[in-house]
């Protein structure tokens, strides 16, 4: 693995860990949510969880990619991160 790829993978692994913690916090908040807003918040948490899983799959694909192909896959990983970040932001509203 090239140094550039290794650095990118390490950065994304750290980001995924941070987001895992945020998801856990969101799930804990779900228990505290009032009944009326609870269903909507639950849907948002589930959507964020799906985005998190998609980001993880993209990162796993990137790790397995050849040195020639990883730059192409990086765009997919970046897009998945962006969507996950957006879903986390919407869940905080």
PDB file of N, CA and C in Angstrom:
ATOM      1  N   UNK A   1       0.857  -1.162   0.000  1.00  0.00           N
ATOM      2  CA  UNK A   1       0.000   0.000   0.000  1.00  0.00           C
ATOM      3  C   UNK A   1       0.910   1.233   0.000  1.00  0.00           C
ATOM      4  N   UNK A   2       0.609   2.147  -0.890  1.00  0.00           N
ATOM      5  CA  UNK A   2       1.420   3.357  -0.938  1.00  0.00           C
ATOM      6  C   UNK A   2       1.175   4.180   0.322  1.00  0.00           C
ATOM      7  N   UNK A   3       2.102   5.066   0.598  1.00  0.00           N
ATOM      8  CA  UNK A   3       1.983   5.904   1.799  1.00  0.00           C
ATOM      9  C   UNK A   3       0.748   6.792   1.720  1.00  0.00           C
ATOM     10  N   UNK A   4       0.480   7.324   0.529  1.00  0.00           N
ATOM     11  CA  UNK A   4      -0.680   8.202   0.349  1.00  0.00           C
ATOM     12  C   UNK A   4      -1.980   7.433   0.618  1.00  0.00           C
ATOM     13  N   UNK A   5      -2.072   6.227   0.076  1.00  0.00           N
ATOM     14  CA  UNK A   5      -3.267   5.408   0.297  1.00  0.00           C
ATOM     15  C   UNK A   5      -3.387   5.034   1.770  1.00  0.00           C
ATOM     16  N   UNK A   6      -2.279   4.641   2.386  1.00  0.00           N
ATOM     17  CA  UNK A   6      -2.296   4.247   3.801  1.00  0.00           C
ATOM     18  C   UNK A   6      -2.742   5.405   4.687  1.00  0.00           C
ATOM     19  N   UNK A   7      -2.274   6.609   4.389  1.00  0.00           N
ATOM     20  CA  UNK A   7      -2.671   7.783   5.159  1.00  0.00           C
ATOM     21  C   UNK A   7      -4.168   8.054   5.003  1.00  0.00           C
ATOM     22  N   UNK A   8      -4.652   7.937   3.779  1.00  0.00           N
ATOM     23  CA  UNK A   8      -6.074   8.171   3.522  1.00  0.00           C
ATOM     24  C   UNK A   8      -6.918   7.138   4.258  1.00  0.00           C
ATOM     25  N   UNK A   9      -6.539   5.872   4.176  1.00  0.00           N
ATOM     26  CA  UNK A   9      -7.284   4.809   4.849  1.00  0.00           C
ATOM     27  C   UNK A   9      -7.287   5.049   6.360  1.00  0.00           C
ATOM     28  N   UNK A  10      -6.146   5.409   6.928  1.00  0.00           N
ATOM     29  CA  UNK A  10      -6.068   5.672   8.365  1.00  0.00           C
ATOM     30  C   UNK A  10      -6.974   6.842   8.749  1.00  0.00           C
ATOM     31  N   UNK A  11      -6.984   7.879   7.941  1.00  0.00           N
ATOM     32  CA  UNK A  11      -7.833   9.047   8.199  1.00  0.00           C
ATOM     33  C   UNK A  11      -9.303   8.644   8.179  1.00  0.00           C
ATOM     34  N   UNK A  12      -9.703   7.859   7.192  1.00  0.00           N
ATOM     35  CA  UNK A  12     -11.086   7.438   7.077  1.00  0.00           C
ATOM     36  C   UNK A  12     -11.477   6.463   8.193  1.00  0.00           C
ATOM     37  N   UNK A  13     -10.557   5.597   8.608  1.00  0.00           N
ATOM     38  CA  UNK A  13     -10.817   4.689   9.735  1.00  0.00           C
ATOM     39  C   UNK A  13     -11.086   5.505  11.002  1.00  0.00           C
ATOM     40  N   UNK A  14     -10.286   6.533  11.232  1.00  0.00           N
ATOM     41  CA  UNK A  14     -10.480   7.393  12.407  1.00  0.00           C
ATOM     42  C   UNK A  14     -11.824   8.106  12.327  1.00  0.00           C
ATOM     43  N   UNK A  15     -12.179   8.580  11.142  1.00  0.00           N
ATOM     44  CA  UNK A  15     -13.459   9.270  10.968  1.00  0.00           C
ATOM     45  C   UNK A  15     -14.616   8.308  11.221  1.00  0.00           C
ATOM     46  N   UNK A  16     -14.504   7.088  10.717  1.00  0.00           N
ATOM     47  CA  UNK A  16     -15.556   6.092  10.926  1.00  0.00           C
ATOM     48  C   UNK A  16     -15.718   5.777  12.407  1.00  0.00           C
ATOM     49  N   UNK A  17     -14.620   5.696  13.128  1.00  0.00           N
ATOM     50  CA  UNK A  17     -14.686   5.452  14.575  1.00  0.00           C
ATOM     51  C   UNK A  17     -15.400   6.595  15.286  1.00  0.00           C
ATOM     52  N   UNK A  18     -15.085   7.816  14.880  1.00  0.00           N
ATOM     53  CA  UNK A  18     -15.736   8.979  15.484  1.00  0.00           C
ATOM     54  C   UNK A  18     -17.237   8.961  15.186  1.00  0.00           C
ATOM     55  N   UNK A  19     -17.587   8.610  13.966  1.00  0.00           N
ATOM     56  CA  UNK A  19     -18.997   8.560  13.608  1.00  0.00           C
ATOM     57  C   UNK A  19     -19.713   7.426  14.323  1.00  0.00           C
ATOM     58  N   UNK A  20     -19.019   6.330  14.567  1.00  0.00           N
ATOM     59  CA  UNK A  20     -19.622   5.231  15.331  1.00  0.00           C
ATOM     60  C   UNK A  20     -20.013   5.726  16.722  1.00  0.00           C
ATOM     61  N   UNK A  21     -19.142   6.517  17.317  1.00  0.00           N
ATOM     62  CA  UNK A  21     -19.433   7.085  18.630  1.00  0.00           C
ATOM     63  C   UNK A  21     -20.636   8.028  18.557  1.00  0.00           C
ATOM     64  N   UNK A  22     -20.711   8.838  17.499  1.00  0.00           N
ATOM     65  CA  UNK A  22     -21.847   9.746  17.341  1.00  0.00           C
ATOM     66  C   UNK A  22     -23.147   8.961  17.178  1.00  0.00           C
ATOM     67  N   UNK A  23     -23.093   7.870  16.398  1.00  0.00           N
ATOM     68  CA  UNK A  23     -24.285   7.050  16.226  1.00  0.00           C
ATOM     69  C   UNK A  23     -24.728   6.457  17.564  1.00  0.00           C
ATOM     70  N   UNK A  24     -23.782   6.005  18.346  1.00  0.00           N
ATOM     71  CA  UNK A  24     -24.112   5.453  19.659  1.00  0.00           C
ATOM     72  C   UNK A  24     -24.777   6.514  20.531  1.00  0.00           C
ATOM     73  N   UNK A  25     -24.267   7.737  20.480  1.00  0.00           N
ATOM     74  CA  UNK A  25     -24.859   8.828  21.254  1.00  0.00           C
ATOM     75  C   UNK A  25     -26.273   9.137  20.768  1.00  0.00           C
ATOM     76  N   UNK A  26     -26.463   9.094  19.443  1.00  0.00           N
ATOM     77  CA  UNK A  26     -27.787   9.343  18.893  1.00  0.00           C
ATOM     78  C   UNK A  26     -28.766   8.266  19.346  1.00  0.00           C
ATOM     79  N   UNK A  27     -28.316   7.028  19.353  1.00  0.00           N
ATOM     80  CA  UNK A  27     -29.181   5.929  19.785  1.00  0.00           C
ATOM     81  C   UNK A  27     -29.534   6.074  21.264  1.00  0.00           C
ATOM     82  N   UNK A  28     -28.596   6.542  22.057  1.00  0.00           N
ATOM     83  CA  UNK A  28     -28.875   6.772  23.475  1.00  0.00           C
ATOM     84  C   UNK A  28     -29.902   7.885  23.643  1.00  0.00           C
ATOM     85  N   UNK A  29     -29.800   8.920  22.816  1.00  0.00           N
ATOM     86  CA  UNK A  29     -30.759  10.025  22.870  1.00  0.00           C
ATOM     87  C   UNK A  29     -32.155   9.558  22.487  1.00  0.00           C
ATOM     88  N   UNK A  30     -32.190   8.551  21.632  1.00  0.00           N
ATOM     89  CA  UNK A  30     -33.482   8.033  21.190  1.00  0.00           C
ATOM     90  C   UNK A  30     -34.311   7.595  22.389  1.00  0.00           C
ATOM     91  N   UNK A  31     -33.670   7.025  23.367  1.00  0.00           N
ATOM     92  CA  UNK A  31     -34.380   6.587  24.571  1.00  0.00           C
ATOM     93  C   UNK A  31     -34.977   7.762  25.346  1.00  0.00           C
ATOM     94  N   UNK A  32     -34.370   8.930  25.195  1.00  0.00           N
ATOM     95  CA  UNK A  32     -34.829  10.103  25.929  1.00  0.00           C
ATOM     96  C   UNK A  32     -35.853  10.932  25.149  1.00  0.00           C
ATOM     97  N   UNK A  33     -35.992  10.653  23.861  1.00  0.00           N
ATOM     98  CA  UNK A  33     -36.867  11.466  23.012  1.00  0.00           C
ATOM     99  C   UNK A  33     -38.330  11.316  23.436  1.00  0.00           C
ATOM    100  N   UNK A  34     -39.065  12.381  23.312  1.00  0.00           N
ATOM    101  CA  UNK A  34     -40.489  12.331  23.619  1.00  0.00           C
ATOM    102  C   UNK A  34     -41.178  11.441  22.596  1.00  0.00           C
ATOM    103  N   UNK A  35     -42.264  10.857  22.999  1.00  0.00           N
ATOM    104  CA  UNK A  35     -42.982   9.904  22.161  1.00  0.00           C
ATOM    105  C   UNK A  35     -43.325  10.477  20.794  1.00  0.00           C
ATOM    106  N   UNK A  36     -43.796  11.714  20.754  1.00  0.00           N
ATOM    107  CA  UNK A  36     -44.223  12.323  19.502  1.00  0.00           C
ATOM    108  C   UNK A  36     -43.079  12.390  18.482  1.00  0.00           C
ATOM    109  N   UNK A  37     -41.902  12.820  18.901  1.00  0.00           N
ATOM    110  CA  UNK A  37     -40.778  12.965  17.989  1.00  0.00           C
ATOM    111  C   UNK A  37     -39.918  11.723  17.882  1.00  0.00           C
ATOM    112  N   UNK A  38     -40.211  10.760  18.692  1.00  0.00           N
ATOM    113  CA  UNK A  38     -39.358   9.562  18.762  1.00  0.00           C
ATOM    114  C   UNK A  38     -39.323   8.775  17.452  1.00  0.00           C
ATOM    115  N   UNK A  39     -40.464   8.593  16.815  1.00  0.00           N
ATOM    116  CA  UNK A  39     -40.510   7.831  15.576  1.00  0.00           C
ATOM    117  C   UNK A  39     -39.673   8.500  14.492  1.00  0.00           C
ATOM    118  N   UNK A  40     -39.804   9.810  14.357  1.00  0.00           N
ATOM    119  CA  UNK A  40     -39.028  10.539  13.339  1.00  0.00           C
ATOM    120  C   UNK A  40     -37.525  10.443  13.637  1.00  0.00           C
ATOM    121  N   UNK A  41     -37.172  10.624  14.888  1.00  0.00           N
ATOM    122  CA  UNK A  41     -35.758  10.536  15.266  1.00  0.00           C
ATOM    123  C   UNK A  41     -35.222   9.132  14.992  1.00  0.00           C
ATOM    124  N   UNK A  42     -36.039   8.122  15.273  1.00  0.00           N
ATOM    125  CA  UNK A  42     -35.646   6.738  15.024  1.00  0.00           C
ATOM    126  C   UNK A  42     -35.366   6.527  13.533  1.00  0.00           C
ATOM    127  N   UNK A  43     -36.214   7.075  12.677  1.00  0.00           N
ATOM    128  CA  UNK A  43     -36.007   6.970  11.226  1.00  0.00           C
ATOM    129  C   UNK A  43     -34.693   7.633  10.818  1.00  0.00           C
ATOM    130  N   UNK A  44     -34.403   8.795  11.403  1.00  0.00           N
ATOM    131  CA  UNK A  44     -33.165   9.497  11.082  1.00  0.00           C
ATOM    132  C   UNK A  44     -31.953   8.699  11.535  1.00  0.00           C
ATOM    133  N   UNK A  45     -32.033   8.094  12.711  1.00  0.00           N
ATOM    134  CA  UNK A  45     -30.926   7.280  13.210  1.00  0.00           C
ATOM    135  C   UNK A  45     -30.710   6.075  12.290  1.00  0.00           C
ATOM    136  N   UNK A  46     -31.787   5.441  11.866  1.00  0.00           N
ATOM    137  CA  UNK A  46     -31.662   4.299  10.958  1.00  0.00           C
ATOM    138  C   UNK A  46     -31.049   4.708   9.630  1.00  0.00           C
ATOM    139  N   UNK A  47     -31.436   5.869   9.108  1.00  0.00           N
ATOM    140  CA  UNK A  47     -30.864   6.355   7.850  1.00  0.00           C
ATOM    141  C   UNK A  47     -29.367   6.622   8.023  1.00  0.00           C
ATOM    142  N   UNK A  48     -29.003   7.210   9.143  1.00  0.00           N
ATOM    143  CA  UNK A  48     -27.587   7.466   9.410  1.00  0.00           C
ATOM    144  C   UNK A  48     -26.822   6.153   9.537  1.00  0.00           C
ATOM    145  N   UNK A  49     -27.435   5.163  10.155  1.00  0.00           N
ATOM    146  CA  UNK A  49     -26.795   3.853  10.296  1.00  0.00           C
ATOM    147  C   UNK A  49     -26.549   3.224   8.916  1.00  0.00           C
ATOM    148  N   UNK A  50     -27.532   3.336   8.020  1.00  0.00           N
ATOM    149  CA  UNK A  50     -27.353   2.794   6.664  1.00  0.00           C
ATOM    150  C   UNK A  50     -26.216   3.518   5.947  1.00  0.00           C
ATOM    151  N   UNK A  51     -26.131   4.835   6.094  1.00  0.00           N
ATOM    152  CA  UNK A  51     -25.048   5.599   5.460  1.00  0.00           C
ATOM    153  C   UNK A  51     -23.694   5.188   6.040  1.00  0.00           C
ATOM    154  N   UNK A  52     -23.667   4.948   7.347  1.00  0.00           N
ATOM    155  CA  UNK A  52     -22.435   4.516   8.006  1.00  0.00           C
ATOM    156  C   UNK A  52     -21.984   3.173   7.433  1.00  0.00           C
ATOM    157  N   UNK A  53     -22.914   2.239   7.286  1.00  0.00           N
ATOM    158  CA  UNK A  53     -22.591   0.925   6.739  1.00  0.00           C
ATOM    159  C   UNK A  53     -22.112   1.028   5.293  1.00  0.00           C
ATOM    160  N   UNK A  54     -22.738   1.902   4.513  1.00  0.00           N
ATOM    161  CA  UNK A  54     -22.311   2.108   3.136  1.00  0.00           C
ATOM    162  C   UNK A  54     -20.890   2.675   3.088  1.00  0.00           C
ATOM    163  N   UNK A  55     -20.612   3.637   3.946  1.00  0.00           N
ATOM    164  CA  UNK A  55     -19.269   4.216   4.007  1.00  0.00           C
ATOM    165  C   UNK A  55     -18.248   3.143   4.376  1.00  0.00           C
ATOM    166  N   UNK A  56     -18.592   2.274   5.316  1.00  0.00           N
ATOM    167  CA  UNK A  56     -17.695   1.183   5.722  1.00  0.00           C
ATOM    168  C   UNK A  56     -17.424   0.244   4.539  1.00  0.00           C
ATOM    169  N   UNK A  57     -18.475  -0.103   3.782  1.00  0.00           N
ATOM    170  CA  UNK A  57     -18.285  -0.993   2.624  1.00  0.00           C
ATOM    171  C   UNK A  57     -17.376  -0.348   1.585  1.00  0.00           C
ATOM    172  N   UNK A  58     -17.594   0.944   1.322  1.00  0.00           N
ATOM    173  CA  UNK A  58     -16.743   1.647   0.354  1.00  0.00           C
ATOM    174  C   UNK A  58     -15.286   1.654   0.817  1.00  0.00           C
ATOM    175  N   UNK A  59     -15.071   1.896   2.093  1.00  0.00           N
ATOM    176  CA  UNK A  59     -13.708   1.912   2.615  1.00  0.00           C
ATOM    177  C   UNK A  59     -13.080   0.521   2.519  1.00  0.00           C
ATOM    178  N   UNK A  60     -13.853  -0.518   2.808  1.00  0.00           N
ATOM    179  CA  UNK A  60     -13.332  -1.881   2.677  1.00  0.00           C
ATOM    180  C   UNK A  60     -12.945  -2.186   1.230  1.00  0.00           C
ATOM    181  N   UNK A  61     -13.764  -1.737   0.277  1.00  0.00           N
ATOM    182  CA  UNK A  61     -13.435  -1.921  -1.139  1.00  0.00           C
ATOM    183  C   UNK A  61     -12.154  -1.178  -1.487  1.00  0.00           C
ATOM    184  N   UNK A  62     -12.023   0.032  -0.983  1.00  0.00           N
ATOM    185  CA  UNK A  62     -10.838   0.829  -1.254  1.00  0.00           C
ATOM    186  C   UNK A  62      -9.588   0.141  -0.721  1.00  0.00           C
ATOM    187  N   UNK A  63      -9.689  -0.444   0.466  1.00  0.00           N
ATOM    188  CA  UNK A  63      -8.540  -1.135   1.054  1.00  0.00           C
ATOM    189  C   UNK A  63      -8.091  -2.299   0.186  1.00  0.00           C
ATOM    190  N   UNK A  64      -9.040  -2.973  -0.449  1.00  0.00           N
ATOM    191  CA  UNK A  64      -8.727  -4.136  -1.262  1.00  0.00           C
ATOM    192  C   UNK A  64      -8.303  -3.770  -2.686  1.00  0.00           C
ATOM    193  N   UNK A  65      -8.489  -2.535  -3.063  1.00  0.00           N
ATOM    194  CA  UNK A  65      -8.216  -2.105  -4.437  1.00  0.00           C
ATOM    195  C   UNK A  65      -6.724  -2.100  -4.732  1.00  0.00           C
ATOM    196  N   UNK A  66      -6.427  -2.309  -5.994  1.00  0.00           N
ATOM    197  CA  UNK A  66      -5.035  -2.234  -6.436  1.00  0.00           C
ATOM    198  C   UNK A  66      -4.562  -0.797  -6.330  1.00  0.00           C
ATOM    199  N   UNK A  67      -3.267  -0.635  -6.383  1.00  0.00           N
ATOM    200  CA  UNK A  67      -2.701   0.716  -6.288  1.00  0.00           C
ATOM    201  C   UNK A  67      -3.186   1.594  -7.439  1.00  0.00           C
ATOM    202  N   UNK A  68      -3.448   1.002  -8.597  1.00  0.00           N
ATOM    203  CA  UNK A  68      -3.920   1.780  -9.740  1.00  0.00           C
ATOM    204  C   UNK A  68      -5.387   2.182  -9.611  1.00  0.00           C
ATOM    205  N   UNK A  69      -6.183   1.370  -8.917  1.00  0.00           N
ATOM    206  CA  UNK A  69      -7.626   1.593  -8.871  1.00  0.00           C
ATOM    207  C   UNK A  69      -8.097   2.379  -7.652  1.00  0.00           C
ATOM    208  N   UNK A  70      -7.283   2.489  -6.625  1.00  0.00           N
ATOM    209  CA  UNK A  70      -7.786   3.080  -5.381  1.00  0.00           C
ATOM    210  C   UNK A  70      -8.166   4.540  -5.516  1.00  0.00           C
ATOM    211  N   UNK A  71      -7.465   5.279  -6.360  1.00  0.00           N
ATOM    212  CA  UNK A  71      -7.802   6.701  -6.548  1.00  0.00           C
ATOM    213  C   UNK A  71      -9.212   6.848  -7.107  1.00  0.00           C
ATOM    214  N   UNK A  72      -9.601   5.935  -7.988  1.00  0.00           N
ATOM    215  CA  UNK A  72     -10.949   5.968  -8.558  1.00  0.00           C
ATOM    216  C   UNK A  72     -11.982   5.662  -7.476  1.00  0.00           C
ATOM    217  N   UNK A  73     -11.710   4.680  -6.641  1.00  0.00           N
ATOM    218  CA  UNK A  73     -12.636   4.319  -5.571  1.00  0.00           C
ATOM    219  C   UNK A  73     -12.718   5.390  -4.492  1.00  0.00           C
ATOM    220  N   UNK A  74     -11.675   6.175  -4.350  1.00  0.00           N
ATOM    221  CA  UNK A  74     -11.634   7.238  -3.349  1.00  0.00           C
ATOM    222  C   UNK A  74     -12.815   8.197  -3.528  1.00  0.00           C
ATOM    223  N   UNK A  75     -13.197   8.458  -4.769  1.00  0.00           N
ATOM    224  CA  UNK A  75     -14.326   9.352  -5.026  1.00  0.00           C
ATOM    225  C   UNK A  75     -15.610   8.783  -4.424  1.00  0.00           C
ATOM    226  N   UNK A  76     -15.800   7.473  -4.530  1.00  0.00           N
ATOM    227  CA  UNK A  76     -16.980   6.837  -3.943  1.00  0.00           C
ATOM    228  C   UNK A  76     -16.962   6.913  -2.426  1.00  0.00           C
ATOM    229  N   UNK A  77     -15.797   6.732  -1.841  1.00  0.00           N
ATOM    230  CA  UNK A  77     -15.662   6.825  -0.385  1.00  0.00           C
ATOM    231  C   UNK A  77     -15.980   8.250   0.063  1.00  0.00           C
ATOM    232  N   UNK A  78     -15.410   9.221  -0.639  1.00  0.00           N
ATOM    233  CA  UNK A  78     -15.663  10.620  -0.287  1.00  0.00           C
ATOM    234  C   UNK A  78     -17.150  10.963  -0.391  1.00  0.00           C
ATOM    235  N   UNK A  79     -17.821  10.451  -1.416  1.00  0.00           N
ATOM    236  CA  UNK A  79     -19.258  10.705  -1.577  1.00  0.00           C
ATOM    237  C   UNK A  79     -20.048  10.063  -0.443  1.00  0.00           C
ATOM    238  N   UNK A  80     -19.676   8.854  -0.055  1.00  0.00           N
ATOM    239  CA  UNK A  80     -20.367   8.177   1.043  1.00  0.00           C
ATOM    240  C   UNK A  80     -20.177   8.943   2.343  1.00  0.00           C
ATOM    241  N   UNK A  81     -18.960   9.446   2.581  1.00  0.00           N
ATOM    242  CA  UNK A  81     -18.691  10.245   3.790  1.00  0.00           C
ATOM    243  C   UNK A  81     -19.575  11.484   3.810  1.00  0.00           C
ATOM    244  N   UNK A  82     -19.670  12.130   2.643  1.00  0.00           N
ATOM    245  CA  UNK A  82     -20.456  13.358   2.549  1.00  0.00           C
ATOM    246  C   UNK A  82     -21.924  13.077   2.888  1.00  0.00           C
ATOM    247  N   UNK A  83     -22.477  12.001   2.357  1.00  0.00           N
ATOM    248  CA  UNK A  83     -23.867  11.641   2.636  1.00  0.00           C
ATOM    249  C   UNK A  83     -24.060  11.283   4.103  1.00  0.00           C
ATOM    250  N   UNK A  84     -23.089  10.576   4.672  1.00  0.00           N
ATOM    251  CA  UNK A  84     -23.197  10.217   6.083  1.00  0.00           C
ATOM    252  C   UNK A  84     -23.162  11.469   6.951  1.00  0.00           C
ATOM    253  N   UNK A  85     -22.243  12.366   6.656  1.00  0.00           N
ATOM    254  CA  UNK A  85     -22.145  13.611   7.404  1.00  0.00           C
ATOM    255  C   UNK A  85     -23.457  14.391   7.316  1.00  0.00           C
ATOM    256  N   UNK A  86     -24.042  14.410   6.127  1.00  0.00           N
ATOM    257  CA  UNK A  86     -25.322  15.098   5.935  1.00  0.00           C
ATOM    258  C   UNK A  86     -26.411  14.427   6.780  1.00  0.00           C
ATOM    259  N   UNK A  87     -26.435  13.100   6.790  1.00  0.00           N
ATOM    260  CA  UNK A  87     -27.486  12.398   7.543  1.00  0.00           C
ATOM    261  C   UNK A  87     -27.317  12.616   9.038  1.00  0.00           C
ATOM    262  N   UNK A  88     -26.090  12.693   9.514  1.00  0.00           N
ATOM    263  CA  UNK A  88     -25.837  12.975  10.935  1.00  0.00           C
ATOM    264  C   UNK A  88     -26.333  14.376  11.260  1.00  0.00           C
ATOM    265  N   UNK A  89     -26.035  15.324  10.379  1.00  0.00           N
ATOM    266  CA  UNK A  89     -26.469  16.701  10.607  1.00  0.00           C
ATOM    267  C   UNK A  89     -27.979  16.828  10.665  1.00  0.00           C
ATOM    268  N   UNK A  90     -28.670  16.104   9.792  1.00  0.00           N
ATOM    269  CA  UNK A  90     -30.124  16.154   9.781  1.00  0.00           C
ATOM    270  C   UNK A  90     -30.698  15.507  11.037  1.00  0.00           C
ATOM    271  N   UNK A  91     -30.009  14.533  11.583  1.00  0.00           N
ATOM    272  CA  UNK A  91     -30.495  13.850  12.785  1.00  0.00           C
ATOM    273  C   UNK A  91     -30.412  14.739  14.005  1.00  0.00           C
ATOM    274  N   UNK A  92     -29.569  15.728  13.973  1.00  0.00           N
ATOM    275  CA  UNK A  92     -29.402  16.620  15.128  1.00  0.00           C
ATOM    276  C   UNK A  92     -30.497  17.662  15.212  1.00  0.00           C
ATOM    277  N   UNK A  93     -31.252  17.860  14.130  1.00  0.00           N
ATOM    278  CA  UNK A  93     -32.281  18.905  14.101  1.00  0.00           C
ATOM    279  C   UNK A  93     -33.424  18.572  15.027  1.00  0.00           C
TER     280      UNK A  93
END
